[in-house]
Amino acid sequence: MTSHDQSTLGAILLCGGRSSRMGRPKHMLPFGERTVLEVVAETIGKVAGKIVVVAAAGQQLPDLGSACEIIRDEEEFQGPLAGLLMGMKFFDSETDRVFLSGCDVPMLREEFLSGIVAELGDFEMAIPEADGYLHPLSAVYHMSLRDRVEALYNQGERRPRRLVDGCRAKRISEERLKQFDPDLNSLKNMNSPDEYTQLLREAGFSNETQDNNR
């Protein structure tokens, strides 16, 4: 697990959730002239060689072109650990690390993602730790964890957080993270209309502009 090029890094982009607090599918919300999912996928595509989008059966998606492969949940609403497992099963032996992300982080920066990847080194996981919280949906996982991911899932676990205590994990401090993204905007997700409005404001978009793009 030394240095690697972009072609060996995969990314798993999760968008099969209920979006219950938002009241409508988060990934399809406009962010500028594109949807949130398109914005996130474009940023990740600058760093990862391959992207797989894990979506619910029948879930509407924007046209992501050839940049992403789409796979559908075998069973809906099983949580992010299930999405991580499905994504890991998708990649071939040439991919040795995967970045796991939610679909609702439109402020994700290329420099942040590159920094997280570089922090993996000889660890099995590189996970941000900020404001007292770990962020498993902004973390890089070595493919050697696949069997442990599957074992945890089969035991009824649904969150990647449990992996941290069972592997060699590099917890990336807030101070270090700010070297990649000074305002930590890359960790800001949107679960509610107020959070969506706040991110639009920070990105310089108005609600009126977004209404016109719907």
C-alpha atoms as a PDB file:
ATOM      1  CA  MET A   1       0.000   0.000   0.000  1.00  0.00           C
ATOM      2  CA  THR A   2       2.404   2.624  -1.175  1.00  0.00           C
ATOM      3  CA  SER A   3       1.790   5.396  -3.683  1.00  0.00           C
ATOM      4  CA  HIS A   4      -0.714   4.721  -6.459  1.00  0.00           C
ATOM      5  CA  ASP A   5      -1.903   6.468  -9.568  1.00  0.00           C
ATOM      6  CA  GLN A   6      -5.437   7.630 -10.274  1.00  0.00           C
ATOM      7  CA  SER A   7      -6.353   4.510 -12.232  1.00  0.00           C
ATOM      8  CA  THR A   8      -6.240   2.347  -9.106  1.00  0.00           C
ATOM      9  CA  LEU A   9      -8.633   4.595  -7.154  1.00  0.00           C
ATOM     10  CA  GLY A  10     -12.339   3.933  -7.422  1.00  0.00           C
ATOM     11  CA  ALA A  11     -15.213   5.913  -5.976  1.00  0.00           C
ATOM     12  CA  ILE A  12     -18.597   4.825  -4.641  1.00  0.00           C
ATOM     13  CA  LEU A  13     -21.285   7.478  -4.756  1.00  0.00           C
ATOM     14  CA  LEU A  14     -24.399   6.695  -2.680  1.00  0.00           C
ATOM     15  CA  CYS A  15     -27.755   8.163  -3.686  1.00  0.00           C
ATOM     16  CA  GLY A  16     -30.320   5.521  -2.751  1.00  0.00           C
ATOM     17  CA  GLY A  17     -31.550   7.086   0.484  1.00  0.00           C
ATOM     18  CA  ARG A  18     -35.059   8.239   1.296  1.00  0.00           C
ATOM     19  CA  SER A  19     -34.285  11.999   1.536  1.00  0.00           C
ATOM     20  CA  SER A  20     -37.074  12.095   4.117  1.00  0.00           C
ATOM     21  CA  ARG A  21     -35.928  15.285   5.847  1.00  0.00           C
ATOM     22  CA  MET A  22     -35.439  17.095   2.548  1.00  0.00           C
ATOM     23  CA  GLY A  23     -38.870  16.074   1.293  1.00  0.00           C
ATOM     24  CA  ARG A  24     -37.625  15.417  -2.239  1.00  0.00           C
ATOM     25  CA  PRO A  25     -34.660  13.578  -3.779  1.00  0.00           C
ATOM     26  CA  LYS A  26     -31.509  15.408  -2.718  1.00  0.00           C
ATOM     27  CA  HIS A  27     -29.422  14.215  -5.627  1.00  0.00           C
ATOM     28  CA  MET A  28     -31.783  15.805  -8.179  1.00  0.00           C
ATOM     29  CA  LEU A  29     -31.834  19.269  -6.616  1.00  0.00           C
ATOM     30  CA  PRO A  30     -30.304  22.013  -8.785  1.00  0.00           C
ATOM     31  CA  PHE A  31     -26.946  23.450  -7.799  1.00  0.00           C
ATOM     32  CA  GLY A  32     -26.163  26.084 -10.336  1.00  0.00           C
ATOM     33  CA  GLU A  33     -27.046  24.782 -13.789  1.00  0.00           C
ATOM     34  CA  ARG A  34     -26.614  21.122 -12.819  1.00  0.00           C
ATOM     35  CA  THR A  35     -27.988  18.729 -10.262  1.00  0.00           C
ATOM     36  CA  VAL A  36     -26.229  18.095  -6.969  1.00  0.00           C
ATOM     37  CA  LEU A  37     -25.323  14.571  -8.099  1.00  0.00           C
ATOM     38  CA  GLU A  38     -23.735  15.849 -11.310  1.00  0.00           C
ATOM     39  CA  VAL A  39     -21.657  18.379  -9.388  1.00  0.00           C
ATOM     40  CA  VAL A  40     -20.385  15.775  -6.906  1.00  0.00           C
ATOM     41  CA  ALA A  41     -19.669  13.209  -9.624  1.00  0.00           C
ATOM     42  CA  GLU A  42     -17.704  15.732 -11.679  1.00  0.00           C
ATOM     43  CA  THR A  43     -15.477  16.634  -8.727  1.00  0.00           C
ATOM     44  CA  ILE A  44     -14.835  13.018  -7.804  1.00  0.00           C
ATOM     45  CA  GLY A  45     -14.105  12.175 -11.438  1.00  0.00           C
ATOM     46  CA  LYS A  46     -11.121  14.539 -11.371  1.00  0.00           C
ATOM     47  CA  VAL A  47      -9.408  12.269  -8.845  1.00  0.00           C
ATOM     48  CA  ALA A  48     -10.874   8.756  -9.189  1.00  0.00           C
ATOM     49  CA  GLY A  49     -10.343   6.542 -12.201  1.00  0.00           C
ATOM     50  CA  LYS A  50     -13.755   4.883 -11.926  1.00  0.00           C
ATOM     51  CA  ILE A  51     -17.023   5.896 -10.265  1.00  0.00           C
ATOM     52  CA  VAL A  52     -19.944   3.655  -9.422  1.00  0.00           C
ATOM     53  CA  VAL A  53     -23.241   5.223  -8.394  1.00  0.00           C
ATOM     54  CA  VAL A  54     -25.343   3.070  -6.064  1.00  0.00           C
ATOM     55  CA  ALA A  55     -28.998   3.973  -6.564  1.00  0.00           C
ATOM     56  CA  ALA A  56     -32.344   2.572  -5.490  1.00  0.00           C
ATOM     57  CA  ALA A  57     -34.342   0.456  -7.919  1.00  0.00           C
ATOM     58  CA  GLY A  58     -36.272   2.743 -10.245  1.00  0.00           C
ATOM     59  CA  GLN A  59     -34.679   5.877  -8.819  1.00  0.00           C
ATOM     60  CA  GLN A  60     -34.481   8.773 -11.288  1.00  0.00           C
ATOM     61  CA  LEU A  61     -30.948   9.904 -12.081  1.00  0.00           C
ATOM     62  CA  PRO A  62     -29.548  12.695 -14.223  1.00  0.00           C
ATOM     63  CA  ASP A  63     -27.564  11.784 -17.313  1.00  0.00           C
ATOM     64  CA  LEU A  64     -24.063  11.145 -15.983  1.00  0.00           C
ATOM     65  CA  GLY A  65     -22.698  10.018 -19.330  1.00  0.00           C
ATOM     66  CA  SER A  66     -19.890   7.492 -19.462  1.00  0.00           C
ATOM     67  CA  ALA A  67     -18.205   8.894 -16.362  1.00  0.00           C
ATOM     68  CA  CYS A  68     -20.205   6.697 -14.010  1.00  0.00           C
ATOM     69  CA  GLU A  69     -21.482   3.147 -13.825  1.00  0.00           C
ATOM     70  CA  ILE A  70     -24.926   2.767 -12.255  1.00  0.00           C
ATOM     71  CA  ILE A  71     -25.812  -0.177 -10.038  1.00  0.00           C
ATOM     72  CA  ARG A  72     -29.118  -0.637  -8.250  1.00  0.00           C
ATOM     73  CA  ASP A  73     -29.696  -1.697  -4.657  1.00  0.00           C
ATOM     74  CA  GLU A  74     -30.549  -5.371  -4.326  1.00  0.00           C
ATOM     75  CA  GLU A  75     -32.669  -4.419  -1.319  1.00  0.00           C
ATOM     76  CA  GLU A  76     -33.637  -0.805  -0.699  1.00  0.00           C
ATOM     77  CA  PHE A  77     -32.704   1.357   2.285  1.00  0.00           C
ATOM     78  CA  GLN A  78     -30.123  -0.978   3.813  1.00  0.00           C
ATOM     79  CA  GLY A  79     -27.745   1.840   4.722  1.00  0.00           C
ATOM     80  CA  PRO A  80     -24.317   3.025   3.589  1.00  0.00           C
ATOM     81  CA  LEU A  81     -22.470  -0.152   4.582  1.00  0.00           C
ATOM     82  CA  ALA A  82     -24.558  -2.046   2.029  1.00  0.00           C
ATOM     83  CA  GLY A  83     -23.671   0.557  -0.581  1.00  0.00           C
ATOM     84  CA  LEU A  84     -19.980   0.279   0.267  1.00  0.00           C
ATOM     85  CA  LEU A  85     -20.164  -3.500  -0.088  1.00  0.00           C
ATOM     86  CA  MET A  86     -21.999  -3.348  -3.419  1.00  0.00           C
ATOM     87  CA  GLY A  87     -19.487  -0.861  -4.747  1.00  0.00           C
ATOM     88  CA  MET A  88     -16.508  -2.907  -3.620  1.00  0.00           C
ATOM     89  CA  LYS A  89     -17.954  -5.975  -5.351  1.00  0.00           C
ATOM     90  CA  PHE A  90     -18.269  -3.977  -8.566  1.00  0.00           C
ATOM     91  CA  PHE A  91     -14.594  -3.073  -8.899  1.00  0.00           C
ATOM     92  CA  ASP A  92     -12.012  -5.404 -10.390  1.00  0.00           C
ATOM     93  CA  SER A  93      -8.576  -6.288  -9.030  1.00  0.00           C
ATOM     94  CA  GLU A  94      -6.981  -3.221 -10.591  1.00  0.00           C
ATOM     95  CA  THR A  95      -8.754  -0.979  -8.079  1.00  0.00           C
ATOM     96  CA  ASP A  96      -7.067  -1.093  -4.692  1.00  0.00           C
ATOM     97  CA  ARG A  97      -8.768   1.809  -2.880  1.00  0.00           C
ATOM     98  CA  VAL A  98     -12.236   3.351  -2.967  1.00  0.00           C
ATOM     99  CA  PHE A  99     -13.519   6.738  -1.868  1.00  0.00           C
ATOM    100  CA  LEU A 100     -17.003   6.544  -0.348  1.00  0.00           C
ATOM    101  CA  SER A 101     -19.239   9.590  -0.654  1.00  0.00           C
ATOM    102  CA  GLY A 102     -22.817  10.645  -0.203  1.00  0.00           C
ATOM    103  CA  CYS A 103     -24.587  12.403  -3.058  1.00  0.00           C
ATOM    104  CA  ASP A 104     -25.296  15.568  -1.062  1.00  0.00           C
ATOM    105  CA  VAL A 105     -21.880  17.243  -0.739  1.00  0.00           C
ATOM    106  CA  PRO A 106     -21.836  19.715  -3.644  1.00  0.00           C
ATOM    107  CA  MET A 107     -19.072  21.774  -2.002  1.00  0.00           C
ATOM    108  CA  LEU A 108     -16.634  18.848  -2.163  1.00  0.00           C
ATOM    109  CA  ARG A 109     -13.242  20.046  -3.349  1.00  0.00           C
ATOM    110  CA  GLU A 110     -10.831  18.165  -5.564  1.00  0.00           C
ATOM    111  CA  GLU A 111      -7.948  19.155  -3.253  1.00  0.00           C
ATOM    112  CA  PHE A 112      -9.770  17.715  -0.253  1.00  0.00           C
ATOM    113  CA  LEU A 113     -10.363  14.367  -1.937  1.00  0.00           C
ATOM    114  CA  SER A 114      -6.758  14.193  -3.161  1.00  0.00           C
ATOM    115  CA  GLY A 115      -5.555  14.966   0.357  1.00  0.00           C
ATOM    116  CA  ILE A 116      -7.655  12.220   1.930  1.00  0.00           C
ATOM    117  CA  VAL A 117      -6.358   9.717  -0.625  1.00  0.00           C
ATOM    118  CA  ALA A 118      -2.757  10.708   0.091  1.00  0.00           C
ATOM    119  CA  GLU A 119      -3.308  10.194   3.824  1.00  0.00           C
ATOM    120  CA  LEU A 120      -4.157   6.501   3.357  1.00  0.00           C
ATOM    121  CA  GLY A 121      -0.535   5.441   2.998  1.00  0.00           C
ATOM    122  CA  ASP A 122      -0.103   2.013   4.615  1.00  0.00           C
ATOM    123  CA  PHE A 123      -3.394   2.231   6.511  1.00  0.00           C
ATOM    124  CA  GLU A 124      -6.563   0.365   5.598  1.00  0.00           C
ATOM    125  CA  MET A 125      -8.782   3.412   5.965  1.00  0.00           C
ATOM    126  CA  ALA A 126      -8.300   7.193   5.951  1.00  0.00           C
ATOM    127  CA  ILE A 127     -11.216   8.927   7.656  1.00  0.00           C
ATOM    128  CA  PRO A 128     -11.760  12.618   8.449  1.00  0.00           C
ATOM    129  CA  GLU A 129     -12.418  13.603  12.049  1.00  0.00           C
ATOM    130  CA  ALA A 130     -13.868  17.080  12.581  1.00  0.00           C
ATOM    131  CA  ASP A 131     -16.042  18.745  15.223  1.00  0.00           C
ATOM    132  CA  GLY A 132     -15.754  15.590  17.288  1.00  0.00           C
ATOM    133  CA  TYR A 133     -17.268  13.401  14.576  1.00  0.00           C
ATOM    134  CA  LEU A 134     -15.879  10.807  12.200  1.00  0.00           C
ATOM    135  CA  HIS A 135     -16.997  11.095   8.585  1.00  0.00           C
ATOM    136  CA  PRO A 136     -17.177   7.612   7.017  1.00  0.00           C
ATOM    137  CA  LEU A 137     -18.939   9.020   3.929  1.00  0.00           C
ATOM    138  CA  SER A 138     -15.866  11.119   3.139  1.00  0.00           C
ATOM    139  CA  ALA A 139     -13.318   8.369   3.693  1.00  0.00           C
ATOM    140  CA  VAL A 140     -11.004   6.175   1.633  1.00  0.00           C
ATOM    141  CA  TYR A 141     -11.111   2.401   2.146  1.00  0.00           C
ATOM    142  CA  HIS A 142      -8.552  -0.128   1.008  1.00  0.00           C
ATOM    143  CA  MET A 143     -10.087  -3.007  -0.923  1.00  0.00           C
ATOM    144  CA  SER A 144      -8.544  -5.449   1.549  1.00  0.00           C
ATOM    145  CA  LEU A 145     -11.445  -4.475   3.855  1.00  0.00           C
ATOM    146  CA  ARG A 146     -14.062  -6.022   1.603  1.00  0.00           C
ATOM    147  CA  ASP A 147     -14.406  -9.285   3.545  1.00  0.00           C
ATOM    148  CA  ARG A 148     -14.740  -7.392   6.831  1.00  0.00           C
ATOM    149  CA  VAL A 149     -17.343  -5.095   5.293  1.00  0.00           C
ATOM    150  CA  GLU A 150     -19.324  -8.135   4.175  1.00  0.00           C
ATOM    151  CA  ALA A 151     -18.988  -9.827   7.563  1.00  0.00           C
ATOM    152  CA  LEU A 152     -20.274  -6.741   9.388  1.00  0.00           C
ATOM    153  CA  TYR A 153     -23.173  -6.430   6.960  1.00  0.00           C
ATOM    154  CA  ASN A 154     -24.115 -10.079   7.445  1.00  0.00           C
ATOM    155  CA  GLN A 155     -24.082  -9.473  11.203  1.00  0.00           C
ATOM    156  CA  GLY A 156     -26.745  -6.810  10.768  1.00  0.00           C
ATOM    157  CA  GLU A 157     -24.517  -3.736  10.823  1.00  0.00           C
ATOM    158  CA  ARG A 158     -25.547  -0.961   8.449  1.00  0.00           C
ATOM    159  CA  ARG A 159     -23.029   1.817   9.136  1.00  0.00           C
ATOM    160  CA  PRO A 160     -19.368   1.978   8.013  1.00  0.00           C
ATOM    161  CA  ARG A 161     -18.442   3.520  11.380  1.00  0.00           C
ATOM    162  CA  ARG A 162     -17.965   0.051  12.904  1.00  0.00           C
ATOM    163  CA  LEU A 163     -15.050  -0.597  10.564  1.00  0.00           C
ATOM    164  CA  VAL A 164     -12.920   2.048  12.257  1.00  0.00           C
ATOM    165  CA  ASP A 165     -12.350  -0.012  15.392  1.00  0.00           C
ATOM    166  CA  GLY A 166     -11.665  -3.195  13.443  1.00  0.00           C
ATOM    167  CA  CYS A 167      -8.960  -2.045  11.065  1.00  0.00           C
ATOM    168  CA  ARG A 168      -5.849   0.085  10.813  1.00  0.00           C
ATOM    169  CA  ALA A 169      -7.555   3.437  10.406  1.00  0.00           C
ATOM    170  CA  LYS A 170      -5.893   6.800   9.941  1.00  0.00           C
ATOM    171  CA  ARG A 171      -8.003   9.456  11.640  1.00  0.00           C
ATOM    172  CA  ILE A 172      -7.282  12.715   9.853  1.00  0.00           C
ATOM    173  CA  SER A 173      -7.379  15.640  12.252  1.00  0.00           C
ATOM    174  CA  GLU A 174      -9.351  18.800  11.652  1.00  0.00           C
ATOM    175  CA  GLU A 175      -6.102  20.773  11.532  1.00  0.00           C
ATOM    176  CA  ARG A 176      -4.778  18.547   8.782  1.00  0.00           C
ATOM    177  CA  LEU A 177      -8.098  18.599   6.890  1.00  0.00           C
ATOM    178  CA  LYS A 178      -8.026  22.392   6.815  1.00  0.00           C
ATOM    179  CA  GLN A 179      -4.802  22.194   4.845  1.00  0.00           C
ATOM    180  CA  PHE A 180      -6.858  20.631   2.039  1.00  0.00           C
ATOM    181  CA  ASP A 181     -10.023  22.716   2.537  1.00  0.00           C
ATOM    182  CA  PRO A 182      -9.659  25.665   4.951  1.00  0.00           C
ATOM    183  CA  ASP A 183     -13.406  26.035   5.562  1.00  0.00           C
ATOM    184  CA  LEU A 184     -14.112  22.278   5.520  1.00  0.00           C
ATOM    185  CA  ASN A 185     -16.859  22.892   2.972  1.00  0.00           C
ATOM    186  CA  SER A 186     -16.171  19.422   1.573  1.00  0.00           C
ATOM    187  CA  LEU A 187     -17.763  17.901   4.680  1.00  0.00           C
ATOM    188  CA  LYS A 188     -20.961  19.967   4.502  1.00  0.00           C
ATOM    189  CA  ASN A 189     -23.916  17.865   3.449  1.00  0.00           C
ATOM    190  CA  MET A 190     -27.572  18.824   3.106  1.00  0.00           C
ATOM    191  CA  ASN A 191     -30.322  16.854   4.791  1.00  0.00           C
ATOM    192  CA  SER A 192     -32.957  19.578   5.096  1.00  0.00           C
ATOM    193  CA  PRO A 193     -34.265  22.494   2.993  1.00  0.00           C
ATOM    194  CA  ASP A 194     -32.523  24.955   5.337  1.00  0.00           C
ATOM    195  CA  GLU A 195     -29.171  23.201   4.862  1.00  0.00           C
ATOM    196  CA  TYR A 196     -29.697  23.177   1.098  1.00  0.00           C
ATOM    197  CA  THR A 197     -30.460  26.907   1.129  1.00  0.00           C
ATOM    198  CA  GLN A 198     -27.356  27.564   3.212  1.00  0.00           C
ATOM    199  CA  LEU A 199     -25.093  25.694   0.783  1.00  0.00           C
ATOM    200  CA  LEU A 200     -26.645  27.534  -2.164  1.00  0.00           C
ATOM    201  CA  ARG A 201     -25.896  30.811  -0.423  1.00  0.00           C
ATOM    202  CA  GLU A 202     -22.304  29.819   0.325  1.00  0.00           C
ATOM    203  CA  ALA A 203     -21.802  28.792  -3.294  1.00  0.00           C
ATOM    204  CA  GLY A 204     -23.185  32.107  -4.529  1.00  0.00           C
ATOM    205  CA  PHE A 205     -26.469  30.756  -5.882  1.00  0.00           C
ATOM    206  CA  SER A 206     -29.869  32.200  -5.007  1.00  0.00           C
ATOM    207  CA  ASN A 207     -33.053  30.241  -4.423  1.00  0.00           C
ATOM    208  CA  GLU A 208     -34.662  32.212  -7.238  1.00  0.00           C
ATOM    209  CA  THR A 209     -31.966  31.078  -9.676  1.00  0.00           C
ATOM    210  CA  GLN A 210     -32.421  27.479  -8.622  1.00  0.00           C
ATOM    211  CA  ASP A 211     -36.203  27.705  -9.001  1.00  0.00           C
ATOM    212  CA  ASN A 212     -35.631  28.723 -12.612  1.00  0.00           C
ATOM    213  CA  ASN A 213     -33.381  25.701 -13.163  1.00  0.00           C
ATOM    214  CA  ARG A 214     -35.900  23.124 -11.928  1.00  0.00           C
END
